[in-house]
PDB file of N, CA and C in Angstrom:
ATOM      1  N   MET A   1      77.633  67.491  64.633  1.00  0.00           N
ATOM      2  CA  MET A   1      77.352  68.917  64.040  1.00  0.00           C
ATOM      3  C   MET A   1      77.572  70.056  64.873  1.00  0.00           C
ATOM      4  N   TRP A   2      77.198  69.974  66.042  1.00  0.00           N
ATOM      5  CA  TRP A   2      77.320  71.124  67.111  1.00  0.00           C
ATOM      6  C   TRP A   2      78.869  71.361  67.172  1.00  0.00           C
ATOM      7  N   MET A   3      79.633  70.311  67.124  1.00  0.00           N
ATOM      8  CA  MET A   3      81.265  70.497  67.315  1.00  0.00           C
ATOM      9  C   MET A   3      81.616  71.373  66.171  1.00  0.00           C
ATOM     10  N   HIS A   4      81.179  71.209  64.934  1.00  0.00           N
ATOM     11  CA  HIS A   4      81.611  72.057  63.789  1.00  0.00           C
ATOM     12  C   HIS A   4      81.233  73.383  64.065  1.00  0.00           C
ATOM     13  N   TRP A   5      80.042  73.708  64.534  1.00  0.00           N
ATOM     14  CA  TRP A   5      79.532  75.200  65.113  1.00  0.00           C
ATOM     15  C   TRP A   5      80.497  75.636  65.923  1.00  0.00           C
ATOM     16  N   LEU A   6      80.824  74.861  67.051  1.00  0.00           N
ATOM     17  CA  LEU A   6      81.683  75.521  68.055  1.00  0.00           C
ATOM     18  C   LEU A   6      83.011  75.741  67.570  1.00  0.00           C
ATOM     19  N   LEU A   7      83.698  74.925  66.753  1.00  0.00           N
ATOM     20  CA  LEU A   7      84.903  75.325  66.131  1.00  0.00           C
ATOM     21  C   LEU A   7      84.722  76.524  65.338  1.00  0.00           C
ATOM     22  N   ALA A   8      83.745  76.720  64.502  1.00  0.00           N
ATOM     23  CA  ALA A   8      83.667  77.771  63.588  1.00  0.00           C
ATOM     24  C   ALA A   8      83.523  79.139  64.374  1.00  0.00           C
ATOM     25  N   ILE A   9      82.687  78.938  65.502  1.00  0.00           N
ATOM     26  CA  ILE A   9      82.520  80.229  66.338  1.00  0.00           C
ATOM     27  C   ILE A   9      83.856  80.575  66.999  1.00  0.00           C
ATOM     28  N   SER A  10      84.471  79.677  67.553  1.00  0.00           N
ATOM     29  CA  SER A  10      85.926  79.935  68.209  1.00  0.00           C
ATOM     30  C   SER A  10      86.876  80.362  67.255  1.00  0.00           C
ATOM     31  N   ALA A  11      86.973  80.079  66.061  1.00  0.00           N
ATOM     32  CA  ALA A  11      87.829  80.373  65.070  1.00  0.00           C
ATOM     33  C   ALA A  11      87.497  81.808  64.603  1.00  0.00           C
ATOM     34  N   GLY A  12      86.144  82.237  64.468  1.00  0.00           N
ATOM     35  CA  GLY A  12      85.806  83.557  64.329  1.00  0.00           C
ATOM     36  C   GLY A  12      86.081  84.445  65.247  1.00  0.00           C
ATOM     37  N   LEU A  13      85.859  83.994  66.674  1.00  0.00           N
ATOM     38  CA  LEU A  13      86.291  85.043  67.763  1.00  0.00           C
ATOM     39  C   LEU A  13      87.748  85.218  67.686  1.00  0.00           C
ATOM     40  N   ALA A  14      88.621  84.163  67.530  1.00  0.00           N
ATOM     41  CA  ALA A  14      90.015  84.202  67.560  1.00  0.00           C
ATOM     42  C   ALA A  14      90.439  85.071  66.426  1.00  0.00           C
ATOM     43  N   ALA A  15      89.875  84.999  65.211  1.00  0.00           N
ATOM     44  CA  ALA A  15      90.225  85.838  64.177  1.00  0.00           C
ATOM     45  C   ALA A  15      89.952  87.446  64.335  1.00  0.00           C
ATOM     46  N   GLY A  16      88.742  87.569  64.961  1.00  0.00           N
ATOM     47  CA  GLY A  16      88.379  88.982  65.450  1.00  0.00           C
ATOM     48  C   GLY A  16      89.215  89.551  66.333  1.00  0.00           C
ATOM     49  N   VAL A  17      89.667  88.982  67.354  1.00  0.00           N
ATOM     50  CA  VAL A  17      90.699  89.218  68.583  1.00  0.00           C
ATOM     51  C   VAL A  17      91.965  89.701  67.796  1.00  0.00           C
ATOM     52  N   LEU A  18      92.327  88.731  66.987  1.00  0.00           N
ATOM     53  CA  LEU A  18      93.617  88.930  66.268  1.00  0.00           C
ATOM     54  C   LEU A  18      93.759  90.173  65.421  1.00  0.00           C
ATOM     55  N   ALA A  19      92.789  90.332  64.527  1.00  0.00           N
ATOM     56  CA  ALA A  19      92.340  91.443  63.703  1.00  0.00           C
ATOM     57  C   ALA A  19      92.329  92.918  64.616  1.00  0.00           C
ATOM     58  N   SER A  20      91.638  92.729  65.550  1.00  0.00           N
ATOM     59  CA  SER A  20      91.566  94.044  66.345  1.00  0.00           C
ATOM     60  C   SER A  20      92.857  94.385  67.009  1.00  0.00           C
ATOM     61  N   THR A  21      93.817  93.379  67.407  1.00  0.00           N
ATOM     62  CA  THR A  21      94.873  93.773  68.151  1.00  0.00           C
ATOM     63  C   THR A  21      95.862  94.240  66.956  1.00  0.00           C
ATOM     64  N   LEU A  22      95.725  93.694  65.860  1.00  0.00           N
ATOM     65  CA  LEU A  22      96.687  94.193  64.835  1.00  0.00           C
ATOM     66  C   LEU A  22      96.366  95.487  64.256  1.00  0.00           C
ATOM     67  N   LEU A  23      95.090  95.634  64.015  1.00  0.00           N
ATOM     68  CA  LEU A  23      94.632  96.895  63.401  1.00  0.00           C
ATOM     69  C   LEU A  23      94.330  98.055  64.186  1.00  0.00           C
ATOM     70  N   HIS A  24      94.459  97.876  65.536  1.00  0.00           N
ATOM     71  CA  HIS A  24      94.035  98.981  66.455  1.00  0.00           C
ATOM     72  C   HIS A  24      94.989 100.083  66.451  1.00  0.00           C
ATOM     73  N   ASP A  25      94.616 101.386  66.130  1.00  0.00           N
ATOM     74  CA  ASP A  25      95.519 102.463  66.268  1.00  0.00           C
ATOM     75  C   ASP A  25      95.302 103.203  67.481  1.00  0.00           C
ATOM     76  N   SER A  26      96.225 103.157  68.169  1.00  0.00           N
ATOM     77  CA  SER A  26      96.419 103.594  69.651  1.00  0.00           C
ATOM     78  C   SER A  26      96.537 105.234  69.620  1.00  0.00           C
ATOM     79  N   GLY A  27      96.699 105.877  68.506  1.00  0.00           N
ATOM     80  CA  GLY A  27      96.503 107.267  68.341  1.00  0.00           C
ATOM     81  C   GLY A  27      97.922 107.715  68.676  1.00  0.00           C
ATOM     82  N   PRO A  28      98.123 109.257  68.781  1.00  0.00           N
ATOM     83  CA  PRO A  28      99.325 109.856  69.116  1.00  0.00           C
ATOM     84  C   PRO A  28      99.675 109.570  70.607  1.00  0.00           C
ATOM     85  N   PRO A  29     101.071 109.555  70.806  1.00  0.00           N
ATOM     86  CA  PRO A  29     101.291 109.270  72.253  1.00  0.00           C
ATOM     87  C   PRO A  29     100.858 110.314  73.223  1.00  0.00           C
ATOM     88  N   VAL A  30     100.619 109.905  74.574  1.00  0.00           N
ATOM     89  CA  VAL A  30     100.086 110.840  75.434  1.00  0.00           C
ATOM     90  C   VAL A  30     101.299 111.500  76.058  1.00  0.00           C
ATOM     91  N   GLN A  31     101.257 112.951  76.085  1.00  0.00           N
ATOM     92  CA  GLN A  31     102.093 113.909  76.506  1.00  0.00           C
ATOM     93  C   GLN A  31     102.192 113.742  77.948  1.00  0.00           C
ATOM     94  N   LEU A  32     103.370 114.015  78.522  1.00  0.00           N
ATOM     95  CA  LEU A  32     103.747 114.127  80.151  1.00  0.00           C
ATOM     96  C   LEU A  32     102.999 115.336  80.675  1.00  0.00           C
ATOM     97  N   SER A  33     103.052 116.415  79.975  1.00  0.00           N
ATOM     98  CA  SER A  33     102.562 117.751  80.348  1.00  0.00           C
ATOM     99  C   SER A  33     102.870 118.088  81.900  1.00  0.00           C
ATOM    100  N   LEU A  34     104.051 118.150  82.244  1.00  0.00           N
ATOM    101  CA  LEU A  34     104.631 118.655  83.466  1.00  0.00           C
ATOM    102  C   LEU A  34     104.166 119.975  83.581  1.00  0.00           C
ATOM    103  N   GLU A  35     103.671 120.393  84.814  1.00  0.00           N
ATOM    104  CA  GLU A  35     103.265 121.876  85.215  1.00  0.00           C
ATOM    105  C   GLU A  35     103.303 121.892  86.586  1.00  0.00           C
ATOM    106  N   ALA A  36     103.368 123.260  87.073  1.00  0.00           N
ATOM    107  CA  ALA A  36     103.208 123.660  88.273  1.00  0.00           C
ATOM    108  C   ALA A  36     102.467 124.750  88.673  1.00  0.00           C
ATOM    109  N   ARG A  37     101.909 124.818  89.813  1.00  0.00           N
ATOM    110  CA  ARG A  37     100.966 125.990  90.112  1.00  0.00           C
ATOM    111  C   ARG A  37     100.886 126.138  91.588  1.00  0.00           C
ATOM    112  N   GLU A  38     100.409 127.317  92.136  1.00  0.00           N
ATOM    113  CA  GLU A  38     100.301 127.500  93.515  1.00  0.00           C
ATOM    114  C   GLU A  38      98.765 127.079  94.017  1.00  0.00           C
ATOM    115  N   GLN A  39      98.692 126.266  94.977  1.00  0.00           N
ATOM    116  CA  GLN A  39      97.268 125.915  95.486  1.00  0.00           C
ATOM    117  C   GLN A  39      97.257 125.822  97.089  1.00  0.00           C
ATOM    118  N   ALA A  40      96.544 126.605  97.616  1.00  0.00           N
ATOM    119  CA  ALA A  40      96.388 126.554  99.065  1.00  0.00           C
ATOM    120  C   ALA A  40      97.708 126.805  99.681  1.00  0.00           C
ATOM    121  N   GLY A  41      98.524 127.711  99.175  1.00  0.00           N
ATOM    122  CA  GLY A  41      99.845 127.996  99.896  1.00  0.00           C
ATOM    123  C   GLY A  41     100.926 126.802  99.496  1.00  0.00           C
ATOM    124  N   MET A  42     100.634 126.110  98.789  1.00  0.00           N
ATOM    125  CA  MET A  42     101.542 124.911  98.399  1.00  0.00           C
ATOM    126  C   MET A  42     101.860 125.049  96.978  1.00  0.00           C
ATOM    127  N   LEU A  43     102.984 124.404  96.725  1.00  0.00           N
ATOM    128  CA  LEU A  43     103.456 124.371  95.248  1.00  0.00           C
ATOM    129  C   LEU A  43     102.920 122.919  94.769  1.00  0.00           C
ATOM    130  N   LEU A  44     101.973 122.910  93.812  1.00  0.00           N
ATOM    131  CA  LEU A  44     101.423 121.624  93.247  1.00  0.00           C
ATOM    132  C   LEU A  44     102.126 121.386  91.895  1.00  0.00           C
ATOM    133  N   ILE A  45     102.696 120.162  91.907  1.00  0.00           N
ATOM    134  CA  ILE A  45     103.440 119.922  90.682  1.00  0.00           C
ATOM    135  C   ILE A  45     102.487 118.636  90.102  1.00  0.00           C
ATOM    136  N   ARG A  46     102.160 118.788  88.807  1.00  0.00           N
ATOM    137  CA  ARG A  46     101.361 117.739  88.157  1.00  0.00           C
ATOM    138  C   ARG A  46     101.886 117.208  86.835  1.00  0.00           C
ATOM    139  N   TRP A  47     101.560 115.970  86.610  1.00  0.00           N
ATOM    140  CA  TRP A  47     102.011 115.510  85.363  1.00  0.00           C
ATOM    141  C   TRP A  47     100.895 114.377  84.887  1.00  0.00           C
ATOM    142  N   ASN A  48     100.979 113.930  83.692  1.00  0.00           N
ATOM    143  CA  ASN A  48      99.939 113.123  83.136  1.00  0.00           C
ATOM    144  C   ASN A  48     100.575 111.705  83.498  1.00  0.00           C
ATOM    145  N   ALA A  49      99.886 110.973  84.411  1.00  0.00           N
ATOM    146  CA  ALA A  49     100.279 109.620  84.845  1.00  0.00           C
ATOM    147  C   ALA A  49     100.240 108.601  83.752  1.00  0.00           C
ATOM    148  N   ARG A  50      99.286 108.715  82.722  1.00  0.00           N
ATOM    149  CA  ARG A  50      99.038 107.899  81.503  1.00  0.00           C
ATOM    150  C   ARG A  50     100.138 107.969  80.584  1.00  0.00           C
ATOM    151  N   ALA A  51     101.059 109.032  80.597  1.00  0.00           N
ATOM    152  CA  ALA A  51     102.039 109.095  79.579  1.00  0.00           C
ATOM    153  C   ALA A  51     103.153 107.891  79.767  1.00  0.00           C
ATOM    154  N   ALA A  52     103.640 107.581  78.552  1.00  0.00           N
ATOM    155  CA  ALA A  52     104.476 106.471  78.736  1.00  0.00           C
ATOM    156  C   ALA A  52     105.629 106.585  79.649  1.00  0.00           C
ATOM    157  N   THR A  53     106.149 107.710  79.744  1.00  0.00           N
ATOM    158  CA  THR A  53     107.246 108.094  80.624  1.00  0.00           C
ATOM    159  C   THR A  53     107.016 107.861  81.801  1.00  0.00           C
ATOM    160  N   ALA A  54     105.960 108.314  82.344  1.00  0.00           N
ATOM    161  CA  ALA A  54     105.484 108.217  83.787  1.00  0.00           C
ATOM    162  C   ALA A  54     105.001 106.778  84.204  1.00  0.00           C
ATOM    163  N   ALA A  55     104.320 106.236  83.115  1.00  0.00           N
ATOM    164  CA  ALA A  55     103.757 104.871  83.570  1.00  0.00           C
ATOM    165  C   ALA A  55     104.717 103.655  83.564  1.00  0.00           C
ATOM    166  N   SER A  56     105.806 103.870  82.703  1.00  0.00           N
ATOM    167  CA  SER A  56     106.776 102.850  82.641  1.00  0.00           C
ATOM    168  C   SER A  56     108.036 103.215  83.683  1.00  0.00           C
ATOM    169  N   ALA A  57     108.029 104.285  84.307  1.00  0.00           N
ATOM    170  CA  ALA A  57     109.062 104.557  85.336  1.00  0.00           C
ATOM    171  C   ALA A  57     109.123 103.754  86.584  1.00  0.00           C
ATOM    172  N   GLN A  58     109.988 103.515  87.107  1.00  0.00           N
ATOM    173  CA  GLN A  58     110.258 102.807  88.421  1.00  0.00           C
ATOM    174  C   GLN A  58     110.195 103.955  89.539  1.00  0.00           C
ATOM    175  N   ARG A  59     110.831 105.177  89.357  1.00  0.00           N
ATOM    176  CA  ARG A  59     110.685 106.180  90.210  1.00  0.00           C
ATOM    177  C   ARG A  59     111.093 107.620  89.522  1.00  0.00           C
ATOM    178  N   ALA A  60     110.869 108.574  90.188  1.00  0.00           N
ATOM    179  CA  ALA A  60     111.302 109.890  89.655  1.00  0.00           C
ATOM    180  C   ALA A  60     111.907 110.708  90.681  1.00  0.00           C
ATOM    181  N   VAL A  61     112.904 111.684  90.423  1.00  0.00           N
ATOM    182  CA  VAL A  61     113.471 112.584  91.307  1.00  0.00           C
ATOM    183  C   VAL A  61     113.018 113.844  90.697  1.00  0.00           C
ATOM    184  N   ILE A  62     112.239 114.686  91.693  1.00  0.00           N
ATOM    185  CA  ILE A  62     111.765 116.059  91.278  1.00  0.00           C
ATOM    186  C   ILE A  62     112.901 117.010  92.007  1.00  0.00           C
ATOM    187  N   THR A  63     113.397 117.882  91.291  1.00  0.00           N
ATOM    188  CA  THR A  63     114.255 118.879  91.626  1.00  0.00           C
ATOM    189  C   THR A  63     113.747 120.287  91.745  1.00  0.00           C
ATOM    190  N   LEU A  64     113.565 120.765  92.858  1.00  0.00           N
ATOM    191  CA  LEU A  64     113.049 122.285  92.964  1.00  0.00           C
ATOM    192  C   LEU A  64     114.124 123.162  93.180  1.00  0.00           C
ATOM    193  N   ALA A  65     114.457 124.233  92.380  1.00  0.00           N
ATOM    194  CA  ALA A  65     115.629 125.057  92.497  1.00  0.00           C
ATOM    195  C   ALA A  65     115.196 126.527  92.252  1.00  0.00           C
ATOM    196  N   GLY A  66     115.268 127.117  93.580  1.00  0.00           N
ATOM    197  CA  GLY A  66     115.014 128.589  93.625  1.00  0.00           C
ATOM    198  C   GLY A  66     116.228 129.351  93.803  1.00  0.00           C
ATOM    199  N   ALA A  67     115.994 130.775  93.873  1.00  0.00           N
ATOM    200  CA  ALA A  67     117.066 131.754  94.028  1.00  0.00           C
ATOM    201  C   ALA A  67     117.958 131.441  95.245  1.00  0.00           C
ATOM    202  N   ASP A  68     117.302 130.974  96.353  1.00  0.00           N
ATOM    203  CA  ASP A  68     118.041 130.832  97.660  1.00  0.00           C
ATOM    204  C   ASP A  68     118.162 129.302  98.122  1.00  0.00           C
ATOM    205  N   SER A  69     117.338 128.483  97.626  1.00  0.00           N
ATOM    206  CA  SER A  69     117.564 127.035  97.973  1.00  0.00           C
ATOM    207  C   SER A  69     117.106 126.214  96.905  1.00  0.00           C
ATOM    208  N   SER A  70     117.337 124.856  97.266  1.00  0.00           N
ATOM    209  CA  SER A  70     116.909 123.814  96.318  1.00  0.00           C
ATOM    210  C   SER A  70     116.559 122.520  97.123  1.00  0.00           C
ATOM    211  N   VAL A  71     115.794 121.721  96.516  1.00  0.00           N
ATOM    212  CA  VAL A  71     115.375 120.380  97.266  1.00  0.00           C
ATOM    213  C   VAL A  71     115.022 119.399  96.172  1.00  0.00           C
ATOM    214  N   GLU A  72     115.259 118.150  96.591  1.00  0.00           N
ATOM    215  CA  GLU A  72     114.961 116.938  95.659  1.00  0.00           C
ATOM    216  C   GLU A  72     113.779 116.062  96.485  1.00  0.00           C
ATOM    217  N   LEU A  73     112.888 115.876  95.808  1.00  0.00           N
ATOM    218  CA  LEU A  73     111.722 114.959  96.207  1.00  0.00           C
ATOM    219  C   LEU A  73     111.711 113.648  95.298  1.00  0.00           C
ATOM    220  N   VAL A  74     111.640 112.576  96.068  1.00  0.00           N
ATOM    221  CA  VAL A  74     111.730 111.232  95.647  1.00  0.00           C
ATOM    222  C   VAL A  74     110.212 110.852  95.275  1.00  0.00           C
ATOM    223  N   CYS A  75     109.882 110.164  94.069  1.00  0.00           N
ATOM    224  CA  CYS A  75     108.626 109.940  93.723  1.00  0.00           C
ATOM    225  C   CYS A  75     108.600 108.387  93.407  1.00  0.00           C
ATOM    226  N   ASP A  76     107.901 107.554  94.200  1.00  0.00           N
ATOM    227  CA  ASP A  76     107.942 106.134  93.964  1.00  0.00           C
ATOM    228  C   ASP A  76     106.719 105.799  92.868  1.00  0.00           C
ATOM    229  N   ARG A  77     106.533 104.594  92.699  1.00  0.00           N
ATOM    230  CA  ARG A  77     105.573 104.248  91.486  1.00  0.00           C
ATOM    231  C   ARG A  77     104.128 104.705  92.036  1.00  0.00           C
ATOM    232  N   ALA A  78     103.755 104.580  93.225  1.00  0.00           N
ATOM    233  CA  ALA A  78     102.401 105.170  93.838  1.00  0.00           C
ATOM    234  C   ALA A  78     102.370 106.558  93.474  1.00  0.00           C
ATOM    235  N   CYS A  79     103.437 107.331  93.777  1.00  0.00           N
ATOM    236  CA  CYS A  79     103.421 108.824  93.554  1.00  0.00           C
ATOM    237  C   CYS A  79     103.230 109.045  92.047  1.00  0.00           C
ATOM    238  N   LEU A  80     103.723 108.311  91.207  1.00  0.00           N
ATOM    239  CA  LEU A  80     103.844 108.572  89.808  1.00  0.00           C
ATOM    240  C   LEU A  80     102.398 108.146  89.338  1.00  0.00           C
ATOM    241  N   ALA A  81     101.895 107.282  89.739  1.00  0.00           N
ATOM    242  CA  ALA A  81     100.442 106.831  89.341  1.00  0.00           C
ATOM    243  C   ALA A  81      99.450 107.959  89.766  1.00  0.00           C
ATOM    244  N   ARG A  82      99.694 108.587  90.845  1.00  0.00           N
ATOM    245  CA  ARG A  82      98.616 109.650  91.243  1.00  0.00           C
ATOM    246  C   ARG A  82      98.895 110.791  90.322  1.00  0.00           C
ATOM    247  N   GLY A  83      99.927 111.203  89.769  1.00  0.00           N
ATOM    248  CA  GLY A  83     100.088 112.277  88.726  1.00  0.00           C
ATOM    249  C   GLY A  83     100.341 113.562  89.594  1.00  0.00           C
ATOM    250  N   SER A  84     100.652 113.719  90.847  1.00  0.00           N
ATOM    251  CA  SER A  84     100.864 114.924  91.464  1.00  0.00           C
ATOM    252  C   SER A  84     101.462 115.096  92.653  1.00  0.00           C
ATOM    253  N   ILE A  85     102.089 115.979  93.197  1.00  0.00           N
ATOM    254  CA  ILE A  85     102.732 116.058  94.519  1.00  0.00           C
ATOM    255  C   ILE A  85     102.669 117.573  94.807  1.00  0.00           C
ATOM    256  N   SER A  86     102.482 117.709  96.138  1.00  0.00           N
ATOM    257  CA  SER A  86     102.514 119.091  96.595  1.00  0.00           C
ATOM    258  C   SER A  86     103.848 119.252  97.633  1.00  0.00           C
ATOM    259  N   TYR A  87     104.225 120.577  97.737  1.00  0.00           N
ATOM    260  CA  TYR A  87     105.295 120.672  98.567  1.00  0.00           C
ATOM    261  C   TYR A  87     105.241 122.248  99.070  1.00  0.00           C
ATOM    262  N   ALA A  88     105.507 122.384 100.226  1.00  0.00           N
ATOM    263  CA  ALA A  88     105.512 123.721 100.914  1.00  0.00           C
ATOM    264  C   ALA A  88     106.836 124.562 100.336  1.00  0.00           C
ATOM    265  N   TRP A  89     106.542 125.507  99.526  1.00  0.00           N
ATOM    266  CA  TRP A  89     107.623 126.289  98.744  1.00  0.00           C
ATOM    267  C   TRP A  89     107.325 127.758  99.143  1.00  0.00           C
ATOM    268  N   PRO A  90     108.225 128.598  99.434  1.00  0.00           N
ATOM    269  CA  PRO A  90     107.850 129.864  99.512  1.00  0.00           C
ATOM    270  C   PRO A  90     107.369 130.588  98.169  1.00  0.00           C
ATOM    271  N   PRO A  91     106.606 131.605  98.164  1.00  0.00           N
ATOM    272  CA  PRO A  91     105.964 132.154  96.992  1.00  0.00           C
ATOM    273  C   PRO A  91     107.076 132.853  96.182  1.00  0.00           C
ATOM    274  N   SER A  92     107.946 131.917  95.449  1.00  0.00           N
ATOM    275  CA  SER A  92     108.787 132.529  94.577  1.00  0.00           C
ATOM    276  C   SER A  92     108.985 131.763  93.328  1.00  0.00           C
ATOM    277  N   THR A  93     109.738 132.324  92.417  1.00  0.00           N
ATOM    278  CA  THR A  93     109.874 131.264  91.066  1.00  0.00           C
ATOM    279  C   THR A  93     111.055 130.177  91.384  1.00  0.00           C
ATOM    280  N   VAL A  94     110.406 129.205  90.763  1.00  0.00           N
ATOM    281  CA  VAL A  94     111.284 127.944  90.965  1.00  0.00           C
ATOM    282  C   VAL A  94     111.325 127.047  89.601  1.00  0.00           C
ATOM    283  N   ASP A  95     112.549 126.758  89.356  1.00  0.00           N
ATOM    284  CA  ASP A  95     112.768 125.841  88.134  1.00  0.00           C
ATOM    285  C   ASP A  95     112.679 124.439  88.800  1.00  0.00           C
ATOM    286  N   ILE A  96     111.883 123.800  88.012  1.00  0.00           N
ATOM    287  CA  ILE A  96     111.549 122.338  88.253  1.00  0.00           C
ATOM    288  C   ILE A  96     111.970 121.241  87.323  1.00  0.00           C
ATOM    289  N   GLY A  97     112.676 120.206  87.744  1.00  0.00           N
ATOM    290  CA  GLY A  97     113.231 119.162  86.970  1.00  0.00           C
ATOM    291  C   GLY A  97     112.453 117.794  87.376  1.00  0.00           C
ATOM    292  N   MET A  98     112.109 117.112  86.469  1.00  0.00           N
ATOM    293  CA  MET A  98     111.630 115.583  86.910  1.00  0.00           C
ATOM    294  C   MET A  98     112.306 114.672  86.117  1.00  0.00           C
ATOM    295  N   ARG A  99     113.265 113.828  86.790  1.00  0.00           N
ATOM    296  CA  ARG A  99     114.082 112.807  86.027  1.00  0.00           C
ATOM    297  C   ARG A  99     113.356 111.518  86.376  1.00  0.00           C
ATOM    298  N   PHE A 100     113.102 110.866  85.308  1.00  0.00           N
ATOM    299  CA  PHE A 100     112.237 109.451  85.504  1.00  0.00           C
ATOM    300  C   PHE A 100     113.373 108.317  85.215  1.00  0.00           C
ATOM    301  N   THR A 101     113.253 107.319  86.192  1.00  0.00           N
ATOM    302  CA  THR A 101     114.253 106.215  85.838  1.00  0.00           C
ATOM    303  C   THR A 101     113.380 104.987  85.586  1.00  0.00           C
ATOM    304  N   GLY A 102     113.780 104.341  84.514  1.00  0.00           N
ATOM    305  CA  GLY A 102     113.046 103.003  83.991  1.00  0.00           C
ATOM    306  C   GLY A 102     113.566 101.730  84.689  1.00  0.00           C
ATOM    307  N   ALA A 103     113.090 100.663  84.441  1.00  0.00           N
ATOM    308  CA  ALA A 103     113.399  99.334  85.157  1.00  0.00           C
ATOM    309  C   ALA A 103     114.752  99.019  84.538  1.00  0.00           C
ATOM    310  N   ALA A 104     115.391  99.485  83.454  1.00  0.00           N
ATOM    311  CA  ALA A 104     116.665  99.099  83.024  1.00  0.00           C
ATOM    312  C   ALA A 104     117.654 100.283  83.327  1.00  0.00           C
ATOM    313  N   GLY A 105     117.291 101.383  84.164  1.00  0.00           N
ATOM    314  CA  GLY A 105     118.252 102.334  84.571  1.00  0.00           C
ATOM    315  C   GLY A 105     118.103 103.535  83.663  1.00  0.00           C
ATOM    316  N   ASP A 106     117.492 103.306  82.402  1.00  0.00           N
ATOM    317  CA  ASP A 106     117.370 104.417  81.592  1.00  0.00           C
ATOM    318  C   ASP A 106     116.721 105.726  82.229  1.00  0.00           C
ATOM    319  N   THR A 107     117.048 106.852  81.755  1.00  0.00           N
ATOM    320  CA  THR A 107     116.453 108.118  82.321  1.00  0.00           C
ATOM    321  C   THR A 107     115.850 108.982  81.288  1.00  0.00           C
ATOM    322  N   THR A 108     114.896 109.880  81.671  1.00  0.00           N
ATOM    323  CA  THR A 108     114.228 110.647  80.937  1.00  0.00           C
ATOM    324  C   THR A 108     114.033 111.977  81.860  1.00  0.00           C
ATOM    325  N   GLU A 109     114.225 113.288  81.210  1.00  0.00           N
ATOM    326  CA  GLU A 109     113.999 114.337  82.136  1.00  0.00           C
ATOM    327  C   GLU A 109     113.219 115.278  81.345  1.00  0.00           C
ATOM    328  N   GLU A 110     112.116 115.899  82.146  1.00  0.00           N
ATOM    329  CA  GLU A 110     111.324 116.930  81.774  1.00  0.00           C
ATOM    330  C   GLU A 110     111.431 118.093  82.755  1.00  0.00           C
ATOM    331  N   ARG A 111     111.517 119.240  82.160  1.00  0.00           N
ATOM    332  CA  ARG A 111     111.622 120.604  83.036  1.00  0.00           C
ATOM    333  C   ARG A 111     110.379 121.544  82.653  1.00  0.00           C
ATOM    334  N   THR A 112     110.111 122.431  83.724  1.00  0.00           N
ATOM    335  CA  THR A 112     109.341 123.436  83.730  1.00  0.00           C
ATOM    336  C   THR A 112     109.744 124.622  84.613  1.00  0.00           C
ATOM    337  N   ARG A 113     109.084 125.682  84.577  1.00  0.00           N
ATOM    338  CA  ARG A 113     109.228 126.711  85.673  1.00  0.00           C
ATOM    339  C   ARG A 113     107.949 127.373  86.228  1.00  0.00           C
ATOM    340  N   PHE A 114     107.914 127.391  87.397  1.00  0.00           N
ATOM    341  CA  PHE A 114     106.856 128.119  88.029  1.00  0.00           C
ATOM    342  C   PHE A 114     107.328 129.587  88.379  1.00  0.00           C
ATOM    343  N   VAL A 115     106.570 130.589  87.910  1.00  0.00           N
ATOM    344  CA  VAL A 115     106.739 132.006  88.197  1.00  0.00           C
ATOM    345  C   VAL A 115     105.689 132.434  89.168  1.00  0.00           C
ATOM    346  N   ALA A 116     106.184 132.906  90.398  1.00  0.00           N
ATOM    347  CA  ALA A 116     105.207 133.272  91.513  1.00  0.00           C
ATOM    348  C   ALA A 116     104.654 134.582  91.067  1.00  0.00           C
ATOM    349  N   ALA A 117     103.261 134.817  91.411  1.00  0.00           N
ATOM    350  CA  ALA A 117     102.663 136.151  91.176  1.00  0.00           C
ATOM    351  C   ALA A 117     103.197 137.148  92.020  1.00  0.00           C
ATOM    352  N   VAL A 118     103.558 138.300  91.730  1.00  0.00           N
ATOM    353  CA  VAL A 118     104.079 139.294  92.462  1.00  0.00           C
ATOM    354  C   VAL A 118     102.933 140.254  92.896  1.00  0.00           C
ATOM    355  N   ALA A 119     102.832 140.433  94.411  1.00  0.00           N
ATOM    356  CA  ALA A 119     101.868 141.295  94.880  1.00  0.00           C
ATOM    357  C   ALA A 119     102.247 142.671  94.683  1.00  0.00           C
ATOM    358  N   PRO A 120     101.374 143.625  94.260  1.00  0.00           N
ATOM    359  CA  PRO A 120     101.607 145.026  94.116  1.00  0.00           C
ATOM    360  C   PRO A 120     102.080 145.676  95.451  1.00  0.00           C
ATOM    361  N   ASP A 121     103.051 146.419  95.331  1.00  0.00           N
ATOM    362  CA  ASP A 121     103.498 147.172  96.703  1.00  0.00           C
ATOM    363  C   ASP A 121     102.226 148.206  97.091  1.00  0.00           C
ATOM    364  N   GLU A 122     102.108 148.372  98.195  1.00  0.00           N
ATOM    365  CA  GLU A 122     100.914 149.482  98.683  1.00  0.00           C
ATOM    366  C   GLU A 122     101.247 150.816  98.043  1.00  0.00           C
ATOM    367  N   GLU A 123     102.471 151.154  97.941  1.00  0.00           N
ATOM    368  CA  GLU A 123     103.027 152.500  97.573  1.00  0.00           C
ATOM    369  C   GLU A 123     102.600 152.537  96.154  1.00  0.00           C
ATOM    370  N   GLN A 124     102.543 151.515  95.142  1.00  0.00           N
ATOM    371  CA  GLN A 124     102.283 151.843  93.841  1.00  0.00           C
ATOM    372  C   GLN A 124     100.769 151.786  93.584  1.00  0.00           C
ATOM    373  N   MET A 125     100.000 151.416  94.562  1.00  0.00           N
ATOM    374  CA  MET A 125      98.474 151.547  94.472  1.00  0.00           C
ATOM    375  C   MET A 125      98.042 152.999  94.326  1.00  0.00           C
ATOM    376  N   PRO A 126      97.157 153.336  93.447  1.00  0.00           N
ATOM    377  CA  PRO A 126      96.642 154.605  93.384  1.00  0.00           C
ATOM    378  C   PRO A 126      95.875 154.966  94.612  1.00  0.00           C
ATOM    379  N   GLU A 127      96.045 156.316  94.851  1.00  0.00           N
ATOM    380  CA  GLU A 127      95.303 156.861  96.056  1.00  0.00           C
ATOM    381  C   GLU A 127      93.853 157.159  95.758  1.00  0.00           C
ATOM    382  N   PRO A 128      93.147 156.536  96.825  1.00  0.00           N
ATOM    383  CA  PRO A 128      91.691 156.801  96.580  1.00  0.00           C
ATOM    384  C   PRO A 128      91.332 158.330  96.409  1.00  0.00           C
ATOM    385  N   ASP A 129      90.396 158.622  95.793  1.00  0.00           N
ATOM    386  CA  ASP A 129      89.901 160.113  95.733  1.00  0.00           C
ATOM    387  C   ASP A 129      88.946 160.494  96.777  1.00  0.00           C
TER     388      ASP A 129
END
């Protein structure tokens, strides 16, 4: 008799797991949200590490291109999982491209731009009364 109960319980659990797997709505895809900002004199580049693009990539190459210089940063899986990288960049506008490479060699690219804040010239400051 206890064997029948054990089979019934096991079958019920298996059916519940199967139904949960088939009916689960994962919701909308998680966006990459590539962004950049200045933090403590460094350029901080951030992305959502849970986004499918980042989570499935084997590596990424981040290209920083400014008016006078450019550089490429290589980001491995550990870097991708962190969701950010910092780089010493002069306080100037920079175009940022992040090219993700998957296991099969497929690539996806996301772009953003960081516009540095311009400090007002001392000559433009109003004279104190």
